[in-house]
Protein backbone atom coordinates (compact mmCIF):
# COMPACT_ATOMS: atom_id res chain seq x y z
CA MET A 1 -15.14 4.72 3.17
CA HIS A 2 -11.89 6.30 1.94
CA SER A 3 -9.39 4.71 -0.46
CA THR A 4 -5.71 5.22 -1.16
CA LEU A 5 -3.85 3.91 -4.18
CA ILE A 6 -0.09 3.42 -4.07
CA VAL A 7 1.71 3.08 -7.41
CA ALA A 8 5.19 1.55 -7.64
CA ARG A 9 7.31 -0.73 -9.79
CA MET A 10 7.36 -4.48 -9.18
CA GLU A 11 9.92 -7.07 -10.21
CA PRO A 12 8.61 -9.54 -12.81
CA HIS A 13 7.08 -12.66 -11.26
CA ALA A 14 7.25 -11.20 -7.72
CA HIS A 15 3.49 -11.13 -7.21
CA GLY A 16 3.46 -14.45 -5.30
CA ASP A 17 6.08 -13.26 -2.82
CA VAL A 18 4.37 -9.90 -2.39
CA ALA A 19 0.97 -11.54 -1.84
CA ARG A 20 2.50 -13.91 0.75
CA LEU A 21 4.11 -11.04 2.67
CA PHE A 22 0.84 -9.11 2.80
CA ALA A 23 -1.14 -12.23 3.77
CA GLU A 24 1.18 -12.66 6.77
CA PHE A 25 0.95 -8.94 7.63
CA ASP A 26 -2.84 -8.90 7.32
CA ARG A 27 -3.16 -11.83 9.76
CA THR A 28 -1.81 -9.52 12.48
CA ASP A 29 -3.69 -6.67 14.12
CA MET A 30 -1.91 -4.09 11.94
CA PRO A 31 -4.78 -3.63 9.46
CA ARG A 32 -7.12 -2.86 12.38
CA LEU A 33 -4.60 -0.46 13.94
CA MET A 34 -4.23 1.34 10.61
CA GLY A 35 -8.00 1.42 10.01
CA THR A 36 -7.64 -0.71 6.86
CA ARG A 37 -10.93 -2.31 5.84
CA ARG A 38 -9.75 -3.91 2.59
CA ARG A 39 -6.49 -4.31 0.70
CA GLN A 40 -6.24 -5.19 -2.99
CA LEU A 41 -3.02 -5.62 -4.96
CA PHE A 42 -2.86 -5.30 -8.75
CA MET A 43 -0.10 -5.58 -11.32
CA TYR A 44 0.17 -4.33 -14.86
CA ARG A 45 3.27 -4.40 -17.09
CA GLY A 46 5.80 -4.04 -14.31
CA LEU A 47 3.68 -1.69 -12.24
CA TYR A 48 2.27 -2.44 -8.80
CA PHE A 49 -0.98 -0.95 -7.53
CA HIS A 50 -1.88 -1.20 -3.84
CA LEU A 51 -5.46 -0.18 -3.11
CA GLN A 52 -6.48 0.21 0.53
CA ASP A 53 -9.91 1.10 1.83
CA PHE A 54 -10.29 2.81 5.20
CA ASP A 55 -13.21 3.62 7.48
CA ASP A 56 -12.55 7.35 7.29
CA ASP A 57 -10.78 10.01 5.23
CA ASN A 58 -7.58 9.73 7.25
CA GLY A 59 -6.09 6.71 5.43
CA GLY A 60 -2.90 8.50 4.42
CA GLU A 61 -2.46 9.79 7.96
CA HIS A 62 -2.92 6.27 9.37
CA ILE A 63 -0.23 4.95 7.03
CA GLU A 64 2.17 7.73 8.01
CA ALA A 65 1.49 7.11 11.73
CA ALA A 66 2.17 3.37 11.30
CA ARG A 67 5.59 3.94 9.71
CA THR A 68 7.34 3.66 13.11
CA GLU A 69 5.56 0.43 14.09
CA PRO A 70 8.10 -2.47 13.91
CA ARG A 71 5.76 -4.69 11.87
CA PHE A 72 5.26 -1.91 9.33
CA THR A 73 8.99 -1.28 8.99
CA ARG A 74 9.61 -5.04 8.71
CA ILE A 75 7.15 -5.52 5.84
CA SER A 76 8.57 -2.42 4.15
CA GLU A 77 12.05 -3.97 4.33
CA ASP A 78 10.78 -7.40 3.23
CA LEU A 79 9.14 -5.85 0.15
CA LYS A 80 12.26 -3.97 -1.01
CA PRO A 81 13.61 -6.81 -3.19
CA PHE A 82 10.28 -6.90 -5.05
CA ILE A 83 8.82 -3.37 -5.00
CA GLY A 84 10.59 -0.16 -5.96
CA ALA A 85 9.59 3.48 -6.15
CA TYR A 86 7.89 4.57 -9.35
CA ASP A 87 10.20 7.60 -9.39
CA PRO A 88 13.17 7.04 -7.06
CA ALA A 89 14.32 10.64 -7.52
CA THR A 90 11.21 12.03 -5.81
CA TRP A 91 10.25 9.26 -3.35
CA ARG A 92 10.66 10.07 0.34
CA SER A 93 7.66 8.37 1.97
CA PRO A 94 4.56 6.33 1.04
CA ALA A 95 2.74 9.63 0.48
CA ASP A 96 4.99 10.25 -2.53
CA ALA A 97 3.64 7.11 -4.19
CA MET A 98 -0.07 7.80 -3.63
CA ALA A 99 -2.18 8.48 -6.67
CA THR A 100 -4.52 11.46 -6.61
CA ARG A 101 -8.19 10.72 -7.23
CA PHE A 102 -9.67 13.16 -9.70
CA TYR A 103 -13.10 11.55 -10.25
CA ASN A 104 -15.39 9.37 -8.18
CA TRP A 105 -18.84 7.94 -8.82
CA GLU A 106 -20.87 5.63 -6.65
CA GLU A 107 -24.47 4.54 -6.62
CA ARG A 108 -26.37 5.75 -3.60
């Protein structure tokens, strides 16, 4: 399984709205089309963390490919009042908000 972690800024008290939007999105077939196995959302002091687990190592590519899907663009627009780029000066696509893993451990 492969994971991606998106880091952004979130408006205070927006977590309920953001969770509702993703619950609606995840009831569609979009997670399956994107290869998403699990989605977890976290918040910490105004920051938003969006962890997605995928079946394969192409999670970032799946997200980029989905960007033209109307349901993906709709949720992106619906999230704009609540979620903003961590660094607006450098953000151009979801790839610009993805954290880089530098260590991994798992029991085998």
